[in-house]
Structures are given as C-alpha cells and as structure tokens.
Amino acid sequence: MTPTTKDEKNWSVISDSERASRGNVASVNGSSTPNVIIGNGCRINGKLDLEGESQIHGHVEGEVRSRDELVIGEKAVVDAMLFGAVIKIFGRVNGDITCTERLELHAGACVTGNLFSPSLVIREGVVFEGK
C-alpha cells in the first residue's frame, strides 16, 4: 500500500541497503533479510521452532530451536536453552547451547551455561561462565 499523506510516510517500504544504513536488525550478520525477527521490546515465553535465518533482539524465555542460522543481537536477553545449526551470539544468554555446526560468541556477548558444538569461536570481550 502506497502512503497517501505525509503522516503515513513511515509505512513505506525501504530497500535492504537503506535498512542496513539505518542500522536495522537485518544488518547484524551481514546477510540478506532474515525470515524471523524478534525485535527489541518484544517478550516471548515458551518454545520457539524457527526455520530460515532468524534474529532475536528482545527477551525470550523457554526453549529456542533453529534449523538454520540464529543470531542473538546485542540488546537481546535470552533465558532459554538454544538448539541450532549455526548460532551467533552478541547479547546475553542464560542457558545451555547446543549447535550441530558452529557456535560464535562475539565481543559483548555474556553467556552463562554449558556449550555443545563441534566448532566454537570465542572473540575477545566475551564473558562466559559454564563448560
């Protein structure tokens, strides 16, 4: 739907490059727009089963399963067990993490829990407590 008044201009569609230049969540992992985005300010409690590239930027409690790449954003708080193929963490996670391919903990990440992954990358500036 095309906006018809100046008040509606915020509803217009923007390009991926414009979204990335604004620092939108889709630019976190440098890839195309993810299938699922749980935005900053969202709070979810329960079990999530995600397909395709997914990003969490809000607060999630419970269990998260991802068949593809899962990104935990800088402002995210995740109190959950995580299961996925590739998981990249930039924010806070409290819970065990199991990956089938690779787990990446990036600068600023704070992780409390046990890690299970065939490949583990821990960047400088990560806080980790677990085994």
N, C-alpha and C. Protein backbone atom coordinates (compact mmCIF):
# COMPACT_ATOMS: atom_id res chain seq x y z
N MET A 1 0.84 -1.17 0.00
CA MET A 1 0.00 0.00 0.00
C MET A 1 0.88 1.24 0.00
N THR A 2 0.64 2.14 -0.90
CA THR A 2 1.43 3.36 -1.01
C THR A 2 0.85 4.43 -0.09
N PRO A 3 1.70 5.13 0.67
CA PRO A 3 1.18 6.17 1.56
C PRO A 3 0.52 7.29 0.76
N THR A 4 -0.54 7.85 1.35
CA THR A 4 -1.26 8.92 0.66
C THR A 4 -1.09 10.27 1.33
N THR A 5 -0.61 10.28 2.56
CA THR A 5 -0.39 11.55 3.25
C THR A 5 0.99 11.54 3.88
N LYS A 6 1.44 12.72 4.29
CA LYS A 6 2.75 12.81 4.94
C LYS A 6 2.77 12.03 6.25
N ASP A 7 1.64 11.95 6.94
CA ASP A 7 1.58 11.22 8.20
C ASP A 7 1.80 9.72 7.99
N GLU A 8 1.51 9.21 6.82
CA GLU A 8 1.64 7.79 6.55
C GLU A 8 2.99 7.41 5.93
N LYS A 9 3.89 8.37 5.75
CA LYS A 9 5.14 8.09 5.05
C LYS A 9 6.00 7.05 5.75
N ASN A 10 5.87 6.86 7.06
CA ASN A 10 6.67 5.87 7.78
C ASN A 10 6.29 4.44 7.43
N TRP A 11 5.16 4.25 6.75
CA TRP A 11 4.72 2.90 6.38
C TRP A 11 5.27 2.46 5.04
N SER A 12 6.04 3.30 4.36
CA SER A 12 6.56 2.93 3.05
C SER A 12 7.63 1.87 3.17
N VAL A 13 7.81 1.12 2.11
CA VAL A 13 8.81 0.05 2.07
C VAL A 13 10.17 0.66 1.79
N ILE A 14 11.20 0.19 2.50
CA ILE A 14 12.55 0.68 2.25
C ILE A 14 13.41 -0.47 1.74
N SER A 15 14.44 -0.13 1.01
CA SER A 15 15.32 -1.14 0.44
C SER A 15 16.23 -1.74 1.52
N ASP A 16 16.79 -2.92 1.23
CA ASP A 16 17.72 -3.56 2.16
C ASP A 16 18.93 -2.68 2.43
N SER A 17 19.45 -1.98 1.41
CA SER A 17 20.63 -1.13 1.61
C SER A 17 20.29 0.06 2.50
N GLU A 18 19.09 0.63 2.33
CA GLU A 18 18.69 1.74 3.19
C GLU A 18 18.48 1.25 4.62
N ARG A 19 17.88 0.07 4.77
CA ARG A 19 17.67 -0.51 6.09
C ARG A 19 19.02 -0.74 6.77
N ALA A 20 19.99 -1.26 6.04
CA ALA A 20 21.32 -1.51 6.60
C ALA A 20 22.00 -0.20 7.00
N SER A 21 21.82 0.85 6.18
CA SER A 21 22.46 2.12 6.51
C SER A 21 21.85 2.75 7.75
N ARG A 22 20.61 2.41 8.06
CA ARG A 22 19.95 2.91 9.26
C ARG A 22 20.32 2.08 10.49
N GLY A 23 21.09 1.01 10.30
CA GLY A 23 21.47 0.15 11.42
C GLY A 23 20.37 -0.81 11.81
N ASN A 24 19.50 -1.15 10.87
CA ASN A 24 18.40 -2.06 11.15
C ASN A 24 18.92 -3.45 11.49
N VAL A 25 18.09 -4.24 12.14
CA VAL A 25 18.49 -5.56 12.61
C VAL A 25 18.96 -6.49 11.50
N ALA A 26 18.51 -6.29 10.28
CA ALA A 26 18.90 -7.18 9.19
C ALA A 26 20.38 -7.11 8.87
N SER A 27 21.06 -6.07 9.33
CA SER A 27 22.48 -5.91 9.01
C SER A 27 23.40 -6.56 10.04
N VAL A 28 22.85 -7.18 11.08
CA VAL A 28 23.68 -7.75 12.15
C VAL A 28 24.67 -8.78 11.63
N ASN A 29 24.21 -9.71 10.81
CA ASN A 29 25.12 -10.76 10.36
C ASN A 29 25.60 -10.55 8.93
N GLY A 30 25.29 -9.40 8.34
CA GLY A 30 25.80 -9.08 7.01
C GLY A 30 25.15 -9.84 5.89
N SER A 31 24.06 -10.56 6.14
CA SER A 31 23.42 -11.32 5.09
C SER A 31 22.09 -10.68 4.72
N SER A 32 21.33 -11.39 3.91
CA SER A 32 20.03 -10.88 3.49
C SER A 32 19.07 -10.82 4.67
N THR A 33 17.92 -10.26 4.43
CA THR A 33 16.91 -10.11 5.47
C THR A 33 16.51 -11.47 6.02
N PRO A 34 16.51 -11.63 7.34
CA PRO A 34 16.17 -12.92 7.95
C PRO A 34 14.69 -13.24 7.81
N ASN A 35 14.34 -14.52 7.95
CA ASN A 35 12.95 -14.96 7.91
C ASN A 35 12.19 -14.53 9.15
N VAL A 36 12.84 -14.57 10.31
CA VAL A 36 12.19 -14.26 11.58
C VAL A 36 13.02 -13.22 12.32
N ILE A 37 12.33 -12.17 12.81
CA ILE A 37 12.99 -11.17 13.66
C ILE A 37 12.12 -10.96 14.88
N ILE A 38 12.68 -11.21 16.04
CA ILE A 38 12.00 -10.89 17.29
C ILE A 38 12.66 -9.60 17.77
N GLY A 39 11.94 -8.51 17.63
CA GLY A 39 12.50 -7.19 17.82
C GLY A 39 12.72 -6.78 19.26
N ASN A 40 13.55 -5.74 19.41
CA ASN A 40 13.81 -5.13 20.70
C ASN A 40 12.46 -4.66 21.26
N GLY A 41 12.19 -4.96 22.50
CA GLY A 41 10.91 -4.59 23.10
C GLY A 41 9.92 -5.73 23.13
N CYS A 42 10.15 -6.79 22.34
CA CYS A 42 9.28 -7.97 22.37
C CYS A 42 9.70 -8.89 23.51
N ARG A 43 8.71 -9.53 24.12
CA ARG A 43 8.98 -10.50 25.18
C ARG A 43 8.17 -11.75 24.87
N ILE A 44 8.86 -12.88 24.76
CA ILE A 44 8.22 -14.14 24.42
C ILE A 44 8.60 -15.18 25.46
N ASN A 45 7.60 -15.94 25.91
CA ASN A 45 7.83 -17.01 26.88
C ASN A 45 7.24 -18.28 26.29
N GLY A 46 8.07 -19.31 26.10
CA GLY A 46 7.57 -20.57 25.55
C GLY A 46 8.62 -21.27 24.70
N LYS A 47 8.13 -22.08 23.79
CA LYS A 47 9.00 -22.86 22.91
C LYS A 47 8.89 -22.31 21.49
N LEU A 48 10.04 -21.93 20.91
CA LEU A 48 10.08 -21.42 19.55
C LEU A 48 10.75 -22.44 18.64
N ASP A 49 10.16 -22.71 17.48
CA ASP A 49 10.74 -23.58 16.48
C ASP A 49 10.88 -22.74 15.22
N LEU A 50 12.11 -22.35 14.86
CA LEU A 50 12.36 -21.39 13.79
C LEU A 50 12.95 -22.06 12.56
N GLU A 51 12.53 -21.59 11.39
CA GLU A 51 13.11 -22.03 10.12
C GLU A 51 13.69 -20.83 9.40
N GLY A 52 14.77 -21.04 8.67
CA GLY A 52 15.42 -19.95 7.96
C GLY A 52 16.26 -19.12 8.92
N GLU A 53 16.94 -18.12 8.37
CA GLU A 53 17.76 -17.25 9.20
C GLU A 53 16.86 -16.49 10.15
N SER A 54 17.25 -16.45 11.43
CA SER A 54 16.42 -15.82 12.46
C SER A 54 17.27 -14.94 13.35
N GLN A 55 16.64 -13.88 13.90
CA GLN A 55 17.33 -12.98 14.80
C GLN A 55 16.43 -12.70 16.01
N ILE A 56 17.08 -12.67 17.18
CA ILE A 56 16.38 -12.30 18.41
C ILE A 56 17.04 -11.04 18.95
N HIS A 57 16.22 -10.01 19.17
CA HIS A 57 16.71 -8.75 19.72
C HIS A 57 15.95 -8.36 20.97
N GLY A 58 14.94 -9.14 21.33
CA GLY A 58 14.12 -8.87 22.50
C GLY A 58 14.46 -9.83 23.63
N HIS A 59 13.44 -10.14 24.45
CA HIS A 59 13.62 -11.02 25.60
C HIS A 59 12.84 -12.31 25.34
N VAL A 60 13.55 -13.44 25.40
CA VAL A 60 12.93 -14.74 25.17
C VAL A 60 13.24 -15.65 26.35
N GLU A 61 12.20 -16.34 26.83
CA GLU A 61 12.36 -17.33 27.90
C GLU A 61 11.79 -18.65 27.42
N GLY A 62 12.46 -19.76 27.77
CA GLY A 62 11.94 -21.08 27.43
C GLY A 62 12.93 -21.91 26.64
N GLU A 63 12.59 -22.18 25.38
CA GLU A 63 13.42 -23.02 24.51
C GLU A 63 13.33 -22.49 23.08
N VAL A 64 14.50 -22.41 22.41
CA VAL A 64 14.54 -21.94 21.02
C VAL A 64 15.27 -22.99 20.19
N ARG A 65 14.59 -23.44 19.12
CA ARG A 65 15.18 -24.39 18.17
C ARG A 65 15.21 -23.75 16.80
N SER A 66 16.39 -23.77 16.17
CA SER A 66 16.54 -23.17 14.84
C SER A 66 17.18 -24.18 13.91
N ARG A 67 16.60 -24.34 12.72
CA ARG A 67 17.16 -25.27 11.74
C ARG A 67 18.30 -24.64 10.94
N ASP A 68 18.39 -23.33 10.98
CA ASP A 68 19.39 -22.62 10.20
C ASP A 68 20.20 -21.70 11.12
N GLU A 69 20.59 -20.53 10.63
CA GLU A 69 21.39 -19.60 11.42
C GLU A 69 20.50 -18.81 12.37
N LEU A 70 20.93 -18.70 13.61
CA LEU A 70 20.24 -17.93 14.63
C LEU A 70 21.21 -16.89 15.18
N VAL A 71 20.78 -15.62 15.18
CA VAL A 71 21.60 -14.53 15.71
C VAL A 71 20.90 -13.97 16.94
N ILE A 72 21.66 -13.88 18.04
CA ILE A 72 21.18 -13.24 19.26
C ILE A 72 21.81 -11.85 19.28
N GLY A 73 21.01 -10.81 19.10
CA GLY A 73 21.50 -9.45 18.96
C GLY A 73 22.08 -8.86 20.24
N GLU A 74 22.75 -7.72 20.11
CA GLU A 74 23.45 -7.07 21.21
C GLU A 74 22.56 -6.74 22.41
N LYS A 75 21.32 -6.35 22.18
CA LYS A 75 20.43 -5.95 23.27
C LYS A 75 19.51 -7.09 23.71
N ALA A 76 19.66 -8.25 23.14
CA ALA A 76 18.81 -9.38 23.47
C ALA A 76 19.13 -9.95 24.85
N VAL A 77 18.08 -10.46 25.50
CA VAL A 77 18.24 -11.22 26.74
C VAL A 77 17.49 -12.52 26.52
N VAL A 78 18.22 -13.63 26.52
CA VAL A 78 17.63 -14.93 26.26
C VAL A 78 17.87 -15.83 27.47
N ASP A 79 16.78 -16.17 28.15
CA ASP A 79 16.82 -17.10 29.27
C ASP A 79 16.20 -18.39 28.77
N ALA A 80 16.98 -19.15 28.01
CA ALA A 80 16.43 -20.32 27.33
C ALA A 80 17.53 -21.29 26.93
N MET A 81 17.12 -22.52 26.68
CA MET A 81 18.01 -23.49 26.05
C MET A 81 17.95 -23.21 24.55
N LEU A 82 19.12 -23.15 23.92
CA LEU A 82 19.19 -22.89 22.48
C LEU A 82 19.69 -24.13 21.75
N PHE A 83 19.04 -24.45 20.64
CA PHE A 83 19.44 -25.55 19.77
C PHE A 83 19.45 -25.01 18.35
N GLY A 84 20.54 -25.27 17.60
CA GLY A 84 20.58 -24.78 16.22
C GLY A 84 21.77 -25.30 15.45
N ALA A 85 21.76 -25.03 14.16
CA ALA A 85 22.88 -25.40 13.30
C ALA A 85 24.05 -24.43 13.55
N VAL A 86 23.82 -23.16 13.28
CA VAL A 86 24.82 -22.10 13.50
C VAL A 86 24.17 -21.05 14.39
N ILE A 87 24.82 -20.74 15.51
CA ILE A 87 24.30 -19.72 16.42
C ILE A 87 25.39 -18.68 16.64
N LYS A 88 25.03 -17.41 16.45
CA LYS A 88 25.94 -16.28 16.66
C LYS A 88 25.36 -15.43 17.78
N ILE A 89 26.15 -15.22 18.83
CA ILE A 89 25.66 -14.50 20.00
C ILE A 89 26.43 -13.20 20.18
N PHE A 90 25.66 -12.10 20.26
CA PHE A 90 26.20 -10.77 20.51
C PHE A 90 25.68 -10.23 21.84
N GLY A 91 24.61 -10.81 22.37
CA GLY A 91 23.95 -10.32 23.57
C GLY A 91 24.09 -11.27 24.75
N ARG A 92 23.05 -11.33 25.60
CA ARG A 92 23.08 -12.09 26.85
C ARG A 92 22.25 -13.36 26.71
N VAL A 93 22.87 -14.51 27.07
CA VAL A 93 22.17 -15.80 27.06
C VAL A 93 22.43 -16.51 28.37
N ASN A 94 21.34 -16.94 29.01
CA ASN A 94 21.40 -17.77 30.21
C ASN A 94 20.74 -19.09 29.86
N GLY A 95 21.54 -20.14 29.70
CA GLY A 95 21.00 -21.45 29.34
C GLY A 95 22.00 -22.22 28.50
N ASP A 96 21.79 -23.52 28.42
CA ASP A 96 22.68 -24.38 27.64
C ASP A 96 22.46 -24.14 26.14
N ILE A 97 23.55 -24.26 25.38
CA ILE A 97 23.52 -24.02 23.93
C ILE A 97 24.08 -25.24 23.22
N THR A 98 23.30 -25.78 22.28
CA THR A 98 23.73 -26.95 21.50
C THR A 98 23.66 -26.60 20.02
N CYS A 99 24.82 -26.74 19.33
CA CYS A 99 24.89 -26.47 17.89
C CYS A 99 25.34 -27.72 17.14
N THR A 100 24.81 -27.90 15.95
CA THR A 100 25.24 -29.04 15.13
C THR A 100 26.40 -28.69 14.22
N GLU A 101 26.62 -27.37 13.96
CA GLU A 101 27.71 -26.95 13.08
C GLU A 101 28.71 -26.03 13.77
N ARG A 102 28.24 -24.83 14.22
CA ARG A 102 29.18 -23.85 14.75
C ARG A 102 28.49 -22.90 15.73
N LEU A 103 29.22 -22.54 16.79
CA LEU A 103 28.77 -21.55 17.75
C LEU A 103 29.78 -20.42 17.78
N GLU A 104 29.30 -19.18 17.64
CA GLU A 104 30.17 -18.00 17.67
C GLU A 104 29.73 -17.08 18.80
N LEU A 105 30.67 -16.73 19.69
CA LEU A 105 30.42 -15.76 20.75
C LEU A 105 31.21 -14.51 20.40
N HIS A 106 30.49 -13.42 20.12
CA HIS A 106 31.12 -12.19 19.66
C HIS A 106 31.32 -11.20 20.80
N ALA A 107 32.21 -10.23 20.60
CA ALA A 107 32.52 -9.21 21.61
C ALA A 107 31.23 -8.62 22.16
N GLY A 108 31.16 -8.54 23.48
CA GLY A 108 29.97 -8.02 24.14
C GLY A 108 29.00 -9.09 24.58
N ALA A 109 29.18 -10.31 24.11
CA ALA A 109 28.30 -11.41 24.50
C ALA A 109 28.56 -11.79 25.95
N CYS A 110 27.49 -12.16 26.65
CA CYS A 110 27.58 -12.64 28.02
C CYS A 110 26.78 -13.93 28.09
N VAL A 111 27.47 -15.05 28.28
CA VAL A 111 26.83 -16.36 28.22
C VAL A 111 27.07 -17.11 29.52
N THR A 112 25.97 -17.60 30.11
CA THR A 112 26.04 -18.45 31.30
C THR A 112 25.33 -19.75 30.95
N GLY A 113 26.08 -20.84 30.90
CA GLY A 113 25.50 -22.13 30.55
C GLY A 113 26.55 -23.02 29.91
N ASN A 114 26.17 -24.23 29.61
CA ASN A 114 27.07 -25.20 29.01
C ASN A 114 26.96 -25.14 27.49
N LEU A 115 28.10 -25.31 26.81
CA LEU A 115 28.16 -25.22 25.36
C LEU A 115 28.48 -26.58 24.76
N PHE A 116 27.74 -26.95 23.71
CA PHE A 116 27.96 -28.20 22.99
C PHE A 116 27.98 -27.87 21.50
N SER A 117 29.17 -27.99 20.87
CA SER A 117 29.29 -27.66 19.46
C SER A 117 30.57 -28.27 18.90
N PRO A 118 30.54 -28.76 17.64
CA PRO A 118 31.77 -29.28 17.04
C PRO A 118 32.77 -28.17 16.71
N SER A 119 32.27 -26.93 16.56
CA SER A 119 33.14 -25.79 16.24
C SER A 119 32.73 -24.61 17.12
N LEU A 120 33.70 -24.02 17.82
CA LEU A 120 33.43 -22.92 18.74
C LEU A 120 34.38 -21.77 18.46
N VAL A 121 33.82 -20.55 18.30
CA VAL A 121 34.61 -19.34 18.11
C VAL A 121 34.27 -18.40 19.24
N ILE A 122 35.28 -17.98 20.02
CA ILE A 122 35.07 -17.02 21.10
C ILE A 122 35.94 -15.80 20.83
N ARG A 123 35.31 -14.67 20.57
CA ARG A 123 36.02 -13.43 20.28
C ARG A 123 36.45 -12.75 21.58
N GLU A 124 37.41 -11.85 21.47
CA GLU A 124 37.86 -11.06 22.61
C GLU A 124 36.69 -10.20 23.11
N GLY A 125 36.54 -10.08 24.42
CA GLY A 125 35.48 -9.27 25.00
C GLY A 125 34.24 -10.04 25.39
N VAL A 126 34.29 -11.36 25.29
CA VAL A 126 33.16 -12.22 25.67
C VAL A 126 33.26 -12.57 27.14
N VAL A 127 32.12 -12.60 27.83
CA VAL A 127 32.05 -13.09 29.20
C VAL A 127 31.34 -14.43 29.14
N PHE A 128 32.02 -15.49 29.61
CA PHE A 128 31.45 -16.83 29.55
C PHE A 128 31.63 -17.52 30.90
N GLU A 129 30.53 -18.12 31.39
CA GLU A 129 30.60 -18.92 32.61
C GLU A 129 29.86 -20.22 32.34
N GLY A 130 30.58 -21.31 32.39
CA GLY A 130 30.00 -22.63 32.10
C GLY A 130 31.07 -23.58 31.67
N LYS A 131 30.67 -24.62 30.96
CA LYS A 131 31.65 -25.58 30.44
C LYS A 131 31.24 -26.06 29.08
